[in-house]
Protein backbone atom coordinates (compact mmCIF):
# COMPACT_ATOMS: atom_id res chain seq x y z
CA UNK A 1 92.21 89.94 44.80
CA UNK A 2 94.61 92.68 45.92
CA UNK A 3 91.70 94.34 47.70
CA UNK A 4 91.04 91.20 49.76
CA UNK A 5 94.74 90.87 50.52
CA UNK A 6 94.93 94.47 51.64
CA UNK A 7 91.87 93.97 53.85
CA UNK A 8 93.44 90.89 55.49
CA UNK A 9 96.69 92.76 56.00
CA UNK A 10 94.80 95.66 57.58
CA UNK A 11 92.91 93.32 59.90
CA UNK A 12 96.12 91.56 60.91
CA UNK A 13 97.74 94.90 61.69
CA UNK A 14 94.69 95.98 63.65
CA UNK A 15 94.71 92.73 65.66
CA UNK A 16 98.42 93.16 66.35
CA UNK A 17 97.83 96.71 67.60
CA UNK A 18 95.02 95.56 69.88
CA UNK A 19 97.18 92.73 71.24
CA UNK A 20 100.00 95.19 71.98
CA UNK A 21 97.59 97.51 73.77
CA UNK A 22 96.17 94.66 75.86
CA UNK A 23 99.69 93.50 76.72
CA UNK A 24 100.65 97.03 77.71
CA UNK A 25 97.56 97.32 79.92
CA UNK A 26 98.32 93.99 81.60
CA UNK A 27 101.92 95.02 82.23
CA UNK A 28 100.76 98.31 83.72
CA UNK A 29 98.29 96.51 85.99
CA UNK A 30 100.96 94.05 87.10
CA UNK A 31 103.36 96.92 87.78
CA UNK A 32 100.73 98.74 89.83
CA UNK A 33 99.99 95.57 91.81
CA UNK A 34 103.70 95.04 92.46
CA UNK A 35 104.11 98.64 93.62
CA UNK A 36 101.10 98.30 95.91
CA UNK A 37 102.48 95.08 97.38
CA UNK A 38 105.86 96.72 97.91
CA UNK A 39 104.25 99.63 99.77
CA UNK A 40 102.19 97.25 101.89
CA UNK A 41 105.28 95.26 102.85
CA UNK A 42 107.18 98.45 103.67
CA UNK A 43 104.33 99.66 105.89
CA UNK A 44 104.18 96.30 107.65
CA UNK A 45 107.93 96.41 108.17
CA UNK A 46 107.71 99.89 109.66
CA UNK A 47 104.95 98.74 112.03
CA UNK A 48 107.04 95.76 113.12
CA UNK A 49 110.06 97.98 113.77
CA UNK A 50 107.93 100.42 115.78
CA UNK A 51 106.45 97.59 117.85
CA UNK A 52 109.90 96.10 118.47
CA UNK A 53 111.20 99.48 119.59
CA UNK A 54 108.20 99.88 121.88
CA UNK A 55 108.78 96.42 123.33
CA UNK A 56 112.46 97.20 123.88
CA UNK A 57 111.53 100.40 125.70
CA UNK A 58 109.02 98.50 127.83
CA UNK A 59 111.71 95.98 128.81
CA UNK A 60 114.12 98.80 129.65
CA UNK A 61 111.45 100.48 131.76
CA UNK A 62 110.59 97.24 133.52
CA UNK A 63 114.22 96.44 134.31
CA UNK A 64 115.16 99.98 135.24
CA UNK A 65 117.64 100.33 132.38
CA UNK A 66 115.86 103.40 131.00
CA UNK A 67 116.81 105.68 133.88
């Protein structure tokens, strides 16, 4: 009987360890996805700023304010 109990305890511990590993992997994937999204948003923001600066320069050139 103790042998069966020990086996069940071992299996429960093994299942718990696997669940922790899966959770850790999911958290890592979510973190990587969040980091990637952050970088994408930052790049988009930089492109928008560059385009706005270019547009401002074009307006200055067109109105003669850049001389």
